[in-house]
Each structure stands twice: as structure tokens, then as C-alpha cells.
Amino acid sequence: MTLTIKYKKEPDAVSPSYAYEGDAGLDLFSNEEKILPQNYRATIKTGLYFEIPEGYVGLVWDKGSTSLKKGLHTMSGVLDSNYRGELKVVLVNLSSRPIKIGKGMKVAQLLIQKVENAVLKEVSNLSETERGEKAFGSSGLSYNPVLTESEDNPEIKENIGKKEKRKEKDDYLSEIKEELSRPKSKTSRRKIALKRGLKEIKRKIKK
């Protein structure tokens, strides 16, 4: 059975669409231009109005490409079946630089899912489980998070490069100090210092 979703749009808005056969989410596009400074959030108009059937809900999710490459994240997500207003996407810029949202730019995706309206019942006790009240991190970490460089984020590359240079300098100076601490006589220490070259040491420190 095919589910029909009714929608209307403003004349210049881009219609929602599945990019590939088998995709779960309908692509949503911006219907305005806006600049998002870093760590700033704003609503982005889509120019779309939906009629979600009763018993279903529209869920707004990130697009992998905009999350990874631009650092954009969606902060609102529920399109109820009784809402008839314009769908606006709340975006936050988590990157380290301003991002321009262009008109017609893909900003999010909409998943249509079936929902159940629950009947709530207040009780004095809940059933016991093996986990119980154990909360965040109770099952331990199953991975080792690693910071990776991104070709689309030169700031990350620059910061990693600076850290590597600082470590190189620290290792170099540690070797010098270790060698200078080994000899017992002042004459031996002086010879080693001259051999390594004080000018070379100063040059590396100033870099």
C-alpha cells in the first residue's frame, strides 16, 4: 500500500523529493538566503506545507553531507499530522566559520513514520530489569574516538599541525636536556652544548 502525502508549496520553493530509490528521507531545500555565524542557530524557510495523515508523523533529520562537510545540525524535528503551517528547519552552525545558506540548498530530510497514540497509566512501581536505573555509560564504551582531519576544514588541519610542531620542539629540547645532564664536569657539558649548536636550538624555539 502506497502512502499519499499531500503538500502545497510557494511558487519559488523546491518540491521535496527522494534522491535515490530506497531512500528513507525526502530532501528538504531552503527557500531563502541566510548567513549563519558560528555557534548560531536560525529557522530556515522551506516554502512547503504538509498534510500528514492521522496516525503518522514527519520527522526532520540531518543530511549527512551538510553535517559532515559544513557542520550544520537540525534542532527541531516533529511535524504533527494536525499542523498546516510552513515547515521551517531549525539549523545550528557547529563549524568554526560562518556558513551561507543559499536558496535551493539542501538543508535537511523528512522521514514519514507511523506512530501510536499511547494511553498513559500512573503506577506506584515499575517492573524490574537487569539494567535497572543504570544510566549514561553504564554499558561502557565500545569504541575509541579519534579526531580525524577533514579536507574541508583547514582550521582542524592547522591546529593539528601546530600540535605536532610543539611536540617536535618539546621532544628536541628534552633530548638536549638529557644529554646535558649526563656529564659530570662543566667542560663536558660545554663541549656538548657547542657541538649541538646554541644558535640551532634558539632557531627551533623561535619557530
Protein backbone atom coordinates (compact mmCIF):
# COMPACT_ATOMS: atom_id res chain seq x y z
CA MET A 1 0.00 0.00 0.00
CA THR A 2 1.39 3.39 -1.02
CA LEU A 3 1.01 6.25 1.47
CA THR A 4 -0.02 9.55 -0.12
CA ILE A 5 1.29 12.75 1.47
CA LYS A 6 -0.47 15.94 0.39
CA TYR A 7 1.55 19.15 0.28
CA LYS A 8 1.46 22.59 -1.23
CA LYS A 9 4.33 24.95 -1.90
CA GLU A 10 5.14 28.54 -2.61
CA PRO A 11 5.82 29.28 -6.31
CA ASP A 12 9.60 29.54 -5.95
CA ALA A 13 10.06 26.70 -3.45
CA VAL A 14 11.74 23.40 -4.34
CA SER A 15 9.49 20.33 -4.01
CA PRO A 16 10.57 17.61 -1.57
CA SER A 17 11.97 14.52 -3.25
CA TYR A 18 13.76 11.23 -2.74
CA ALA A 19 17.26 11.47 -4.19
CA TYR A 20 17.55 7.72 -4.80
CA GLU A 21 15.16 4.79 -4.93
CA GLY A 22 15.07 3.23 -1.49
CA ASP A 23 15.93 6.43 0.41
CA ALA A 24 14.07 6.80 3.70
CA GLY A 25 14.05 10.60 3.79
CA LEU A 26 12.63 13.27 1.49
CA ASP A 27 15.17 16.01 0.80
CA LEU A 28 14.19 19.47 2.03
CA PHE A 29 15.55 22.65 0.44
CA SER A 30 15.94 26.20 1.72
CA ASN A 31 13.58 28.81 0.25
CA GLU A 32 15.65 31.77 1.42
CA GLU A 33 19.21 33.03 1.76
CA LYS A 34 20.70 33.46 5.20
CA ILE A 35 24.12 33.73 6.86
CA LEU A 36 24.68 31.57 9.94
CA PRO A 37 27.61 32.76 12.10
CA GLN A 38 29.49 30.09 14.02
CA ASN A 39 27.60 28.67 17.04
CA TYR A 40 24.44 30.43 15.83
CA ARG A 41 21.01 28.94 15.18
CA ALA A 42 18.18 30.15 12.94
CA THR A 43 14.98 28.97 11.28
CA ILE A 44 15.21 28.27 7.56
CA LYS A 45 12.06 28.53 5.45
CA THR A 46 11.28 25.71 3.03
CA GLY A 47 8.13 27.20 1.46
CA LEU A 48 6.40 23.83 2.00
CA TYR A 49 3.11 22.99 3.75
CA PHE A 50 2.22 19.37 4.53
CA GLU A 51 -0.87 17.39 5.42
CA ILE A 52 0.49 14.39 7.26
CA PRO A 53 -2.17 11.63 7.56
CA GLU A 54 -3.52 10.88 11.02
CA GLY A 55 -1.53 8.09 12.64
CA TYR A 56 1.71 9.28 11.01
CA VAL A 57 4.35 11.89 11.77
CA GLY A 58 7.04 13.72 9.79
CA LEU A 59 10.47 13.69 11.43
CA VAL A 60 13.11 16.22 10.34
CA TRP A 61 16.66 14.84 10.35
CA ASP A 62 20.15 15.98 9.38
CA LYS A 63 21.54 15.41 5.91
CA GLY A 64 24.82 13.53 6.17
CA SER A 65 26.53 15.76 3.61
CA THR A 66 25.67 19.06 5.30
CA SER A 67 26.53 17.68 8.75
CA LEU A 68 29.94 16.34 7.74
CA LYS A 69 31.09 18.94 5.24
CA LYS A 70 29.52 22.09 6.70
CA GLY A 71 28.90 21.34 10.37
CA LEU A 72 25.15 22.05 10.22
CA HIS A 73 22.79 20.31 12.64
CA THR A 74 18.99 20.32 12.86
CA MET A 75 17.43 21.19 16.22
CA SER A 76 13.70 20.74 15.56
CA GLY A 77 12.16 17.57 14.30
CA VAL A 78 8.44 16.78 14.69
CA LEU A 79 5.84 17.59 12.01
CA ASP A 80 2.48 16.64 13.54
CA SER A 81 -0.50 15.46 11.49
CA ASN A 82 -2.64 18.40 12.67
CA TYR A 83 -0.12 21.11 11.67
CA ARG A 84 -0.82 23.07 8.49
CA GLY A 85 1.76 25.85 8.71
CA GLU A 86 5.02 26.19 6.79
CA LEU A 87 7.71 23.65 7.59
CA LYS A 88 10.73 25.54 8.88
CA VAL A 89 14.02 23.84 9.67
CA VAL A 90 15.97 25.00 12.72
CA LEU A 91 19.67 24.83 11.90
CA VAL A 92 22.67 25.44 14.14
CA ASN A 93 26.14 26.13 12.76
CA LEU A 94 28.59 23.97 14.73
CA SER A 95 31.56 24.79 12.50
CA SER A 96 34.29 27.35 13.21
CA ARG A 97 33.29 29.77 10.45
CA PRO A 98 30.13 31.46 9.11
CA ILE A 99 28.06 29.45 6.62
CA LYS A 100 25.89 30.87 3.87
CA ILE A 101 22.56 29.11 3.37
CA GLY A 102 21.67 29.59 -0.29
CA LYS A 103 18.20 29.47 -1.75
CA GLY A 104 17.62 25.97 -3.14
CA MET A 105 20.32 24.49 -0.88
CA LYS A 106 19.60 21.06 0.61
CA VAL A 107 19.29 21.57 4.38
CA ALA A 108 17.55 18.52 5.90
CA GLN A 109 15.45 15.44 5.20
CA LEU A 110 11.92 14.47 6.20
CA LEU A 111 11.04 10.93 7.28
CA ILE A 112 7.40 9.85 7.35
CA GLN A 113 6.73 7.28 10.07
CA LYS A 114 3.75 5.57 11.65
CA VAL A 115 3.09 6.44 15.28
CA GLU A 116 0.96 5.01 18.08
CA ASN A 117 -1.00 7.25 20.44
CA ALA A 118 -0.30 5.78 23.86
CA VAL A 119 -2.64 5.52 26.83
CA LEU A 120 -0.73 6.53 29.96
CA LYS A 121 -1.26 4.77 33.28
CA GLU A 122 0.30 6.01 36.50
CA VAL A 123 1.52 3.23 38.82
CA SER A 124 3.40 3.05 42.11
CA ASN A 125 6.04 0.55 40.92
CA LEU A 126 7.65 -0.41 37.62
CA SER A 127 8.82 -3.87 36.57
CA GLU A 128 12.41 -4.80 37.42
CA THR A 129 15.10 -5.37 34.77
CA GLU A 130 18.75 -6.37 34.77
CA ARG A 131 19.78 -2.82 33.88
CA GLY A 132 17.52 -1.10 36.38
CA GLU A 133 18.40 2.58 36.92
CA LYS A 134 21.84 2.45 35.31
CA ALA A 135 22.09 5.48 33.03
CA PHE A 136 24.65 7.06 30.69
CA GLY A 137 27.75 4.96 30.03
CA SER A 138 26.53 2.03 32.11
CA SER A 139 27.41 -0.45 29.37
CA GLY A 140 30.90 1.04 28.79
CA LEU A 141 32.50 2.46 25.65
CA SER A 142 32.73 0.14 22.66
CA TYR A 143 34.97 2.40 20.60
CA ASN A 144 37.93 4.71 20.87
CA PRO A 145 37.01 8.13 19.45
CA VAL A 146 39.73 9.56 17.21
CA LEU A 147 39.96 13.09 15.86
CA THR A 148 40.43 12.89 12.12
CA GLU A 149 41.48 15.61 9.70
CA SER A 150 38.96 16.90 7.20
CA GLU A 151 39.93 18.21 3.79
CA ASP A 152 37.00 20.62 4.05
CA ASN A 153 38.11 22.08 7.39
CA PRO A 154 41.51 23.81 7.14
CA GLU A 155 41.22 25.02 10.77
CA ILE A 156 41.43 21.42 12.02
CA LYS A 157 44.49 20.77 9.84
CA GLU A 158 46.20 23.92 11.11
CA ASN A 159 45.55 23.09 14.77
CA ILE A 160 46.84 19.54 14.33
CA GLY A 161 49.95 20.89 12.58
CA LYS A 162 50.66 23.30 15.44
CA LYS A 163 50.34 20.50 17.99
CA GLU A 164 52.77 18.32 16.02
CA LYS A 165 55.31 21.16 15.82
CA ARG A 166 55.04 21.83 19.56
CA LYS A 167 55.56 18.13 20.30
CA GLU A 168 58.60 18.06 17.99
CA LYS A 169 60.11 21.05 19.80
CA ASP A 170 59.40 19.53 23.22
CA ASP A 171 60.99 16.21 22.21
CA TYR A 172 64.02 18.02 20.78
CA LEU A 173 64.57 20.08 23.93
CA SER A 174 64.09 17.02 26.13
CA GLU A 175 66.91 15.26 24.28
CA ILE A 176 69.18 18.28 24.73
CA LYS A 177 68.45 18.50 28.46
CA GLU A 178 69.02 14.78 28.89
CA GLU A 179 72.40 14.91 27.18
CA LEU A 180 73.47 17.99 29.14
CA SER A 181 72.53 16.31 32.43
CA ARG A 182 74.64 13.19 31.85
CA PRO A 183 78.25 14.58 32.04
CA LYS A 184 79.64 15.33 35.47
CA SER A 185 82.14 18.06 34.52
CA LYS A 186 81.43 21.57 33.26
CA THR A 187 83.91 21.05 30.43
CA SER A 188 81.96 18.10 29.03
CA ARG A 189 78.67 19.99 29.23
CA ARG A 190 80.21 22.95 27.42
CA LYS A 191 81.53 20.74 24.62
CA ILE A 192 78.14 19.10 24.08
CA ALA A 193 76.36 22.46 24.02
CA LEU A 194 78.81 23.78 21.45
CA LYS A 195 78.53 20.64 19.37
CA ARG A 196 74.74 20.80 19.19
CA GLY A 197 74.89 24.48 18.37
CA LEU A 198 73.20 27.03 20.57
CA LYS A 199 72.11 29.01 17.54
CA GLU A 200 70.26 25.98 16.15
CA ILE A 201 68.47 25.49 19.48
CA LYS A 202 67.36 29.14 19.59
CA ARG A 203 66.19 28.99 15.97
CA LYS A 204 63.98 25.95 16.62
CA ILE A 205 62.49 27.50 19.77
CA LYS A 206 61.53 30.70 17.92
CA LYS A 207 59.68 28.84 15.14
